[in-house]
Amino acid sequence: MAFCTRCGSNIPDGENFCPNCGAPVTPAGAPYQQAYVNPSDHTAEFAPEDIARNKNLAALSYLCILFGVIGLISEPDSKFIRYHLNQVMVLYVFALLCTVVLIVPILGWIVGGIGTIMTVVFIIMGIVRAGKGLAVELPLIGKYIVLHWN
């Protein structure tokens, strides 16, 4: 006789689903499948207390870098604020490059316009992720390091 891994009730032999909760039955010899780990997610590297205490300042730093500097001054040992401040600084460099590209007629306008839209999307992504207490790299530009957080 097997037991349901979800609700713990007895499952009669030969059944494919739990009669109590409907969960599929996994065979006893089934190989364990490891969950996908996102290589750009650094949330586990930070203390939960640090995240809980500083996630609002980290989120606000995407709107104005001054909030990140204030957070860095008030919490100089916060790795979470340093991580998001690094993301903000890289994002601002990207936005500056997009603005410079706008000088070039036609092709520069297209590339700079797309880059400007990407900047706005990245700002929203950063605010949402920092507000949720996550430390996930921004797409394309998040892997670059200006300010070390380790």
N, C-alpha and C. Protein backbone atom coordinates (compact mmCIF):
# COMPACT_ATOMS: atom_id res chain seq x y z
N MET A 1 0.85 -1.17 0.00
CA MET A 1 0.00 0.00 0.00
C MET A 1 0.89 1.24 0.00
N ALA A 2 0.52 2.23 -0.82
CA ALA A 2 1.30 3.47 -0.93
C ALA A 2 0.57 4.59 -0.20
N PHE A 3 1.32 5.64 0.05
CA PHE A 3 0.76 6.83 0.69
C PHE A 3 0.91 8.01 -0.25
N CYS A 4 -0.08 8.91 -0.22
CA CYS A 4 -0.06 10.11 -1.06
C CYS A 4 1.00 11.07 -0.53
N THR A 5 1.81 11.61 -1.44
CA THR A 5 2.85 12.55 -1.04
C THR A 5 2.28 13.94 -0.74
N ARG A 6 1.07 14.20 -1.18
CA ARG A 6 0.45 15.51 -0.93
C ARG A 6 -0.37 15.53 0.36
N CYS A 7 -1.28 14.56 0.53
CA CYS A 7 -2.18 14.60 1.69
C CYS A 7 -1.90 13.51 2.71
N GLY A 8 -1.12 12.47 2.36
CA GLY A 8 -0.74 11.43 3.30
C GLY A 8 -1.73 10.29 3.44
N SER A 9 -2.82 10.29 2.66
CA SER A 9 -3.81 9.22 2.79
C SER A 9 -3.33 7.96 2.08
N ASN A 10 -3.95 6.83 2.45
CA ASN A 10 -3.60 5.53 1.85
C ASN A 10 -4.12 5.47 0.42
N ILE A 11 -3.28 4.92 -0.46
CA ILE A 11 -3.67 4.75 -1.86
C ILE A 11 -3.69 3.25 -2.15
N PRO A 12 -4.83 2.72 -2.58
CA PRO A 12 -4.90 1.29 -2.90
C PRO A 12 -3.94 0.94 -4.04
N ASP A 13 -3.47 -0.30 -4.03
CA ASP A 13 -2.56 -0.76 -5.08
C ASP A 13 -3.24 -0.68 -6.44
N GLY A 14 -2.47 -0.25 -7.44
CA GLY A 14 -2.98 -0.17 -8.80
C GLY A 14 -3.61 1.16 -9.15
N GLU A 15 -3.79 2.04 -8.19
CA GLU A 15 -4.38 3.35 -8.46
C GLU A 15 -3.32 4.31 -8.98
N ASN A 16 -3.71 5.17 -9.91
CA ASN A 16 -2.79 6.16 -10.47
C ASN A 16 -2.95 7.54 -9.83
N PHE A 17 -4.08 7.73 -9.12
CA PHE A 17 -4.35 9.02 -8.48
C PHE A 17 -4.85 8.78 -7.06
N CYS A 18 -4.56 9.73 -6.19
CA CYS A 18 -5.01 9.65 -4.80
C CYS A 18 -6.53 9.78 -4.76
N PRO A 19 -7.24 8.87 -4.09
CA PRO A 19 -8.70 8.98 -4.02
C PRO A 19 -9.17 10.16 -3.17
N ASN A 20 -8.30 10.68 -2.30
CA ASN A 20 -8.68 11.77 -1.41
C ASN A 20 -8.48 13.15 -2.06
N CYS A 21 -7.26 13.40 -2.61
CA CYS A 21 -6.97 14.74 -3.14
C CYS A 21 -6.77 14.76 -4.66
N GLY A 22 -6.65 13.60 -5.30
CA GLY A 22 -6.51 13.56 -6.76
C GLY A 22 -5.09 13.73 -7.26
N ALA A 23 -4.11 13.77 -6.38
CA ALA A 23 -2.72 13.94 -6.79
C ALA A 23 -2.23 12.69 -7.51
N PRO A 24 -1.41 12.85 -8.56
CA PRO A 24 -0.88 11.67 -9.25
C PRO A 24 0.07 10.89 -8.33
N VAL A 25 0.03 9.58 -8.48
CA VAL A 25 0.88 8.71 -7.68
C VAL A 25 2.22 8.57 -8.37
N THR A 26 3.29 8.78 -7.61
CA THR A 26 4.63 8.58 -8.17
C THR A 26 5.11 7.21 -7.76
N PRO A 27 5.63 6.44 -8.70
CA PRO A 27 6.13 5.12 -8.37
C PRO A 27 7.28 5.20 -7.37
N ALA A 28 7.45 4.16 -6.57
CA ALA A 28 8.48 4.16 -5.53
C ALA A 28 9.88 4.28 -6.11
N GLY A 29 10.09 3.72 -7.27
CA GLY A 29 11.43 3.76 -7.87
C GLY A 29 11.62 4.91 -8.84
N ALA A 30 10.70 5.87 -8.86
CA ALA A 30 10.80 6.98 -9.81
C ALA A 30 12.00 7.86 -9.45
N PRO A 31 12.77 8.27 -10.45
CA PRO A 31 13.93 9.11 -10.16
C PRO A 31 13.49 10.50 -9.69
N TYR A 32 14.27 11.04 -8.79
CA TYR A 32 14.00 12.38 -8.28
C TYR A 32 14.40 13.40 -9.34
N GLN A 33 13.52 14.32 -9.65
CA GLN A 33 13.81 15.34 -10.64
C GLN A 33 14.12 16.65 -9.92
N GLN A 34 15.33 17.14 -10.13
CA GLN A 34 15.76 18.36 -9.46
C GLN A 34 15.07 19.57 -10.09
N ALA A 35 14.69 20.52 -9.23
CA ALA A 35 14.03 21.73 -9.70
C ALA A 35 15.03 22.62 -10.44
N TYR A 36 14.52 23.40 -11.38
CA TYR A 36 15.35 24.33 -12.15
C TYR A 36 15.82 25.46 -11.24
N VAL A 37 17.09 25.78 -11.33
CA VAL A 37 17.67 26.87 -10.56
C VAL A 37 18.08 27.96 -11.53
N ASN A 38 17.56 29.15 -11.36
CA ASN A 38 17.86 30.27 -12.24
C ASN A 38 19.24 30.81 -11.89
N PRO A 39 20.21 30.76 -12.82
CA PRO A 39 21.57 31.23 -12.50
C PRO A 39 21.65 32.74 -12.28
N SER A 40 20.66 33.50 -12.72
CA SER A 40 20.69 34.94 -12.52
C SER A 40 19.96 35.38 -11.25
N ASP A 41 19.49 34.41 -10.46
CA ASP A 41 18.80 34.72 -9.20
C ASP A 41 19.79 34.61 -8.05
N HIS A 42 20.06 35.73 -7.39
CA HIS A 42 21.02 35.79 -6.29
C HIS A 42 20.34 35.98 -4.94
N THR A 43 19.04 35.76 -4.87
CA THR A 43 18.29 36.03 -3.65
C THR A 43 18.80 35.21 -2.46
N ALA A 44 19.20 33.98 -2.69
CA ALA A 44 19.66 33.12 -1.61
C ALA A 44 20.97 33.60 -0.98
N GLU A 45 21.68 34.49 -1.66
CA GLU A 45 22.96 34.99 -1.14
C GLU A 45 22.78 36.06 -0.07
N PHE A 46 21.56 36.52 0.15
CA PHE A 46 21.31 37.61 1.08
C PHE A 46 20.54 37.13 2.30
N ALA A 47 20.81 37.73 3.44
CA ALA A 47 20.12 37.38 4.68
C ALA A 47 18.66 37.85 4.59
N PRO A 48 17.72 37.01 5.02
CA PRO A 48 16.31 37.41 4.98
C PRO A 48 16.02 38.68 5.77
N GLU A 49 16.76 38.92 6.85
CA GLU A 49 16.55 40.14 7.64
C GLU A 49 16.97 41.37 6.84
N ASP A 50 18.07 41.24 6.11
CA ASP A 50 18.57 42.33 5.26
C ASP A 50 17.54 42.66 4.17
N ILE A 51 17.00 41.63 3.57
CA ILE A 51 16.00 41.83 2.50
C ILE A 51 14.75 42.50 3.07
N ALA A 52 14.24 41.98 4.17
CA ALA A 52 13.00 42.52 4.75
C ALA A 52 13.18 43.98 5.18
N ARG A 53 14.34 44.31 5.72
CA ARG A 53 14.57 45.66 6.22
C ARG A 53 14.81 46.67 5.11
N ASN A 54 15.36 46.24 3.97
CA ASN A 54 15.83 47.20 2.97
C ASN A 54 15.18 47.08 1.59
N LYS A 55 14.16 46.25 1.45
CA LYS A 55 13.59 46.07 0.11
C LYS A 55 12.88 47.32 -0.41
N ASN A 56 12.31 48.12 0.46
CA ASN A 56 11.62 49.34 -0.01
C ASN A 56 12.61 50.37 -0.54
N LEU A 57 13.72 50.58 0.18
CA LEU A 57 14.73 51.51 -0.32
C LEU A 57 15.36 51.00 -1.61
N ALA A 58 15.55 49.70 -1.70
CA ALA A 58 16.11 49.12 -2.92
C ALA A 58 15.16 49.35 -4.10
N ALA A 59 13.86 49.21 -3.87
CA ALA A 59 12.88 49.43 -4.93
C ALA A 59 12.84 50.91 -5.33
N LEU A 60 12.90 51.80 -4.35
CA LEU A 60 12.87 53.23 -4.65
C LEU A 60 14.12 53.69 -5.40
N SER A 61 15.22 52.98 -5.23
CA SER A 61 16.46 53.41 -5.89
C SER A 61 16.35 53.32 -7.41
N TYR A 62 15.41 52.51 -7.93
CA TYR A 62 15.22 52.44 -9.38
C TYR A 62 14.56 53.72 -9.91
N LEU A 63 13.82 54.41 -9.06
CA LEU A 63 13.20 55.67 -9.47
C LEU A 63 14.19 56.82 -9.40
N CYS A 64 15.01 56.83 -8.35
CA CYS A 64 16.00 57.89 -8.17
C CYS A 64 17.18 57.29 -7.43
N ILE A 65 18.35 57.41 -8.01
CA ILE A 65 19.54 56.81 -7.43
C ILE A 65 19.85 57.38 -6.05
N LEU A 66 19.30 58.56 -5.76
CA LEU A 66 19.51 59.18 -4.45
C LEU A 66 18.97 58.30 -3.33
N PHE A 67 17.85 57.60 -3.56
CA PHE A 67 17.31 56.70 -2.54
C PHE A 67 18.28 55.56 -2.27
N GLY A 68 18.94 55.06 -3.30
CA GLY A 68 19.94 54.02 -3.11
C GLY A 68 21.14 54.51 -2.34
N VAL A 69 21.56 55.75 -2.61
CA VAL A 69 22.69 56.33 -1.87
C VAL A 69 22.30 56.55 -0.41
N ILE A 70 21.08 57.01 -0.17
CA ILE A 70 20.60 57.18 1.21
C ILE A 70 20.56 55.83 1.92
N GLY A 71 20.08 54.82 1.22
CA GLY A 71 20.06 53.48 1.80
C GLY A 71 21.45 52.96 2.09
N LEU A 72 22.38 53.25 1.20
CA LEU A 72 23.77 52.82 1.40
C LEU A 72 24.41 53.53 2.57
N ILE A 73 24.07 54.79 2.78
CA ILE A 73 24.61 55.54 3.92
C ILE A 73 23.97 55.07 5.23
N SER A 74 22.65 54.85 5.20
CA SER A 74 21.96 54.43 6.43
C SER A 74 22.23 52.96 6.78
N GLU A 75 22.44 52.13 5.79
CA GLU A 75 22.72 50.71 6.00
C GLU A 75 23.97 50.32 5.22
N PRO A 76 25.16 50.72 5.68
CA PRO A 76 26.38 50.48 4.90
C PRO A 76 26.74 49.00 4.75
N ASP A 77 26.20 48.13 5.61
CA ASP A 77 26.52 46.71 5.52
C ASP A 77 25.47 45.92 4.75
N SER A 78 24.47 46.58 4.19
CA SER A 78 23.40 45.89 3.48
C SER A 78 23.85 45.46 2.09
N LYS A 79 23.99 44.15 1.93
CA LYS A 79 24.37 43.61 0.62
C LYS A 79 23.21 43.73 -0.38
N PHE A 80 21.98 43.67 0.14
CA PHE A 80 20.80 43.75 -0.73
C PHE A 80 20.70 45.13 -1.39
N ILE A 81 20.92 46.19 -0.62
CA ILE A 81 20.89 47.53 -1.21
C ILE A 81 22.04 47.70 -2.19
N ARG A 82 23.22 47.19 -1.83
CA ARG A 82 24.37 47.30 -2.73
C ARG A 82 24.11 46.58 -4.05
N TYR A 83 23.47 45.40 -3.97
CA TYR A 83 23.16 44.65 -5.19
C TYR A 83 22.24 45.46 -6.10
N HIS A 84 21.17 45.98 -5.54
CA HIS A 84 20.22 46.73 -6.37
C HIS A 84 20.78 48.08 -6.81
N LEU A 85 21.62 48.68 -6.00
CA LEU A 85 22.27 49.92 -6.42
C LEU A 85 23.21 49.65 -7.61
N ASN A 86 23.87 48.50 -7.61
CA ASN A 86 24.68 48.11 -8.77
C ASN A 86 23.80 47.97 -10.01
N GLN A 87 22.65 47.32 -9.86
CA GLN A 87 21.74 47.16 -10.99
C GLN A 87 21.28 48.52 -11.52
N VAL A 88 21.00 49.43 -10.61
CA VAL A 88 20.56 50.78 -11.00
C VAL A 88 21.67 51.51 -11.75
N MET A 89 22.90 51.41 -11.26
CA MET A 89 24.01 52.10 -11.90
C MET A 89 24.25 51.56 -13.31
N VAL A 90 24.19 50.26 -13.48
CA VAL A 90 24.34 49.66 -14.81
C VAL A 90 23.18 50.10 -15.71
N LEU A 91 21.99 50.17 -15.16
CA LEU A 91 20.82 50.61 -15.92
C LEU A 91 20.96 52.06 -16.37
N TYR A 92 21.50 52.91 -15.50
CA TYR A 92 21.70 54.31 -15.88
C TYR A 92 22.77 54.45 -16.96
N VAL A 93 23.81 53.65 -16.92
CA VAL A 93 24.82 53.66 -17.99
C VAL A 93 24.17 53.22 -19.30
N PHE A 94 23.33 52.21 -19.25
CA PHE A 94 22.62 51.74 -20.45
C PHE A 94 21.72 52.85 -20.99
N ALA A 95 21.01 53.55 -20.11
CA ALA A 95 20.14 54.64 -20.55
C ALA A 95 20.95 55.77 -21.16
N LEU A 96 22.12 56.06 -20.60
CA LEU A 96 22.99 57.10 -21.15
C LEU A 96 23.48 56.72 -22.54
N LEU A 97 23.85 55.47 -22.72
CA LEU A 97 24.29 55.01 -24.04
C LEU A 97 23.15 55.09 -25.06
N CYS A 98 21.94 54.76 -24.63
CA CYS A 98 20.78 54.86 -25.53
C CYS A 98 20.54 56.31 -25.92
N THR A 99 20.76 57.23 -25.00
CA THR A 99 20.58 58.65 -25.30
C THR A 99 21.64 59.14 -26.28
N VAL A 100 22.87 58.69 -26.11
CA VAL A 100 23.95 59.09 -27.02
C VAL A 100 23.70 58.54 -28.42
N VAL A 101 23.18 57.33 -28.52
CA VAL A 101 22.91 56.72 -29.82
C VAL A 101 21.84 57.50 -30.58
N LEU A 102 20.97 58.20 -29.87
CA LEU A 102 19.91 58.98 -30.52
C LEU A 102 20.46 60.10 -31.41
N ILE A 103 21.74 60.44 -31.27
CA ILE A 103 22.34 61.49 -32.10
C ILE A 103 22.41 61.05 -33.56
N VAL A 104 22.62 59.76 -33.78
CA VAL A 104 22.75 59.24 -35.15
C VAL A 104 21.38 59.22 -35.82
N PRO A 105 21.26 59.82 -37.01
CA PRO A 105 19.95 59.85 -37.68
C PRO A 105 19.47 58.45 -38.08
N ILE A 106 18.24 58.27 -38.12
CA ILE A 106 17.44 57.11 -38.52
C ILE A 106 17.79 55.84 -37.72
N LEU A 107 18.91 55.20 -38.01
CA LEU A 107 19.24 53.96 -37.31
C LEU A 107 19.44 54.23 -35.81
N GLY A 108 20.09 55.32 -35.47
CA GLY A 108 20.27 55.68 -34.07
C GLY A 108 18.96 55.98 -33.39
N TRP A 109 18.04 56.60 -34.11
CA TRP A 109 16.73 56.88 -33.55
C TRP A 109 15.99 55.59 -33.23
N ILE A 110 16.10 54.63 -34.12
CA ILE A 110 15.42 53.35 -33.92
C ILE A 110 16.03 52.61 -32.73
N VAL A 111 17.36 52.46 -32.75
CA VAL A 111 18.05 51.73 -31.68
C VAL A 111 17.88 52.46 -30.34
N GLY A 112 18.05 53.77 -30.35
CA GLY A 112 17.89 54.55 -29.12
C GLY A 112 16.47 54.50 -28.58
N GLY A 113 15.49 54.52 -29.47
CA GLY A 113 14.09 54.43 -29.04
C GLY A 113 13.78 53.08 -28.41
N ILE A 114 14.28 52.02 -29.04
CA ILE A 114 14.07 50.69 -28.47
C ILE A 114 14.79 50.58 -27.12
N GLY A 115 15.99 51.13 -27.05
CA GLY A 115 16.74 51.12 -25.79
C GLY A 115 16.04 51.91 -24.69
N THR A 116 15.42 53.02 -25.06
CA THR A 116 14.68 53.82 -24.07
C THR A 116 13.47 53.05 -23.55
N ILE A 117 12.77 52.37 -24.44
CA ILE A 117 11.64 51.54 -24.01
C ILE A 117 12.12 50.41 -23.10
N MET A 118 13.25 49.80 -23.46
CA MET A 118 13.82 48.74 -22.63
C MET A 118 14.20 49.28 -21.25
N THR A 119 14.72 50.50 -21.21
CA THR A 119 15.08 51.11 -19.93
C THR A 119 13.87 51.24 -19.02
N VAL A 120 12.77 51.71 -19.57
CA VAL A 120 11.54 51.86 -18.78
C VAL A 120 11.05 50.49 -18.28
N VAL A 121 11.10 49.49 -19.15
CA VAL A 121 10.68 48.14 -18.76
C VAL A 121 11.60 47.60 -17.67
N PHE A 122 12.91 47.82 -17.80
CA PHE A 122 13.87 47.35 -16.80
C PHE A 122 13.66 48.06 -15.46
N ILE A 123 13.32 49.33 -15.48
CA ILE A 123 13.03 50.05 -14.24
C ILE A 123 11.84 49.43 -13.53
N ILE A 124 10.79 49.14 -14.28
CA ILE A 124 9.60 48.51 -13.70
C ILE A 124 9.94 47.13 -13.14
N MET A 125 10.72 46.36 -13.91
CA MET A 125 11.13 45.03 -13.45
C MET A 125 11.94 45.13 -12.16
N GLY A 126 12.85 46.08 -12.10
CA GLY A 126 13.67 46.25 -10.91
C GLY A 126 12.86 46.64 -9.69
N ILE A 127 11.91 47.55 -9.87
CA ILE A 127 11.05 47.98 -8.76
C ILE A 127 10.24 46.79 -8.23
N VAL A 128 9.65 46.03 -9.13
CA VAL A 128 8.82 44.90 -8.72
C VAL A 128 9.67 43.84 -8.02
N ARG A 129 10.82 43.50 -8.60
CA ARG A 129 11.66 42.46 -7.99
C ARG A 129 12.21 42.89 -6.64
N ALA A 130 12.69 44.12 -6.53
CA ALA A 130 13.21 44.59 -5.25
C ALA A 130 12.09 44.68 -4.22
N GLY A 131 10.91 45.12 -4.64
CA GLY A 131 9.77 45.21 -3.72
C GLY A 131 9.33 43.85 -3.20
N LYS A 132 9.52 42.81 -4.01
CA LYS A 132 9.19 41.45 -3.58
C LYS A 132 10.31 40.82 -2.77
N GLY A 133 11.45 41.51 -2.69
CA GLY A 133 12.58 40.96 -1.95
C GLY A 133 13.42 40.00 -2.77
N LEU A 134 13.38 40.13 -4.08
CA LEU A 134 14.16 39.27 -4.96
C LEU A 134 15.41 39.99 -5.44
N ALA A 135 16.44 39.23 -5.72
CA ALA A 135 17.68 39.77 -6.28
C ALA A 135 17.98 39.01 -7.56
N VAL A 136 17.23 39.36 -8.61
CA VAL A 136 17.38 38.71 -9.91
C VAL A 136 17.96 39.74 -10.87
N GLU A 137 18.97 39.31 -11.64
CA GLU A 137 19.62 40.22 -12.58
C GLU A 137 18.63 40.72 -13.63
N LEU A 138 18.82 41.97 -14.04
CA LEU A 138 18.04 42.50 -15.15
C LEU A 138 18.48 41.82 -16.43
N PRO A 139 17.59 41.60 -17.38
CA PRO A 139 17.98 40.95 -18.63
C PRO A 139 19.02 41.77 -19.39
N LEU A 140 19.93 41.11 -20.03
CA LEU A 140 20.97 41.67 -20.90
C LEU A 140 22.04 42.48 -20.17
N ILE A 141 21.68 43.30 -19.22
CA ILE A 141 22.64 44.21 -18.61
C ILE A 141 22.94 43.90 -17.16
N GLY A 142 22.17 43.03 -16.53
CA GLY A 142 22.30 42.78 -15.10
C GLY A 142 23.55 42.03 -14.68
N LYS A 143 24.22 41.41 -15.61
CA LYS A 143 25.40 40.62 -15.25
C LYS A 143 26.65 41.47 -15.02
N TYR A 144 26.60 42.74 -15.41
CA TYR A 144 27.77 43.62 -15.26
C TYR A 144 27.82 44.17 -13.85
N ILE A 145 29.04 44.34 -13.35
CA ILE A 145 29.22 44.78 -11.97
C ILE A 145 29.98 46.10 -11.95
N VAL A 146 29.36 47.10 -11.33
CA VAL A 146 29.99 48.39 -11.11
C VAL A 146 30.31 48.54 -9.63
N LEU A 147 29.40 48.06 -8.79
CA LEU A 147 29.54 48.17 -7.34
C LEU A 147 29.42 46.75 -6.77
N HIS A 148 30.47 46.27 -6.13
CA HIS A 148 30.44 44.90 -5.57
C HIS A 148 29.56 44.85 -4.34
N TRP A 149 28.80 43.77 -4.22
CA TRP A 149 27.92 43.61 -3.07
C TRP A 149 28.41 42.50 -2.15
N ASN A 150 29.37 41.71 -2.57
CA ASN A 150 29.87 40.59 -1.75
C ASN A 150 30.77 41.06 -0.65
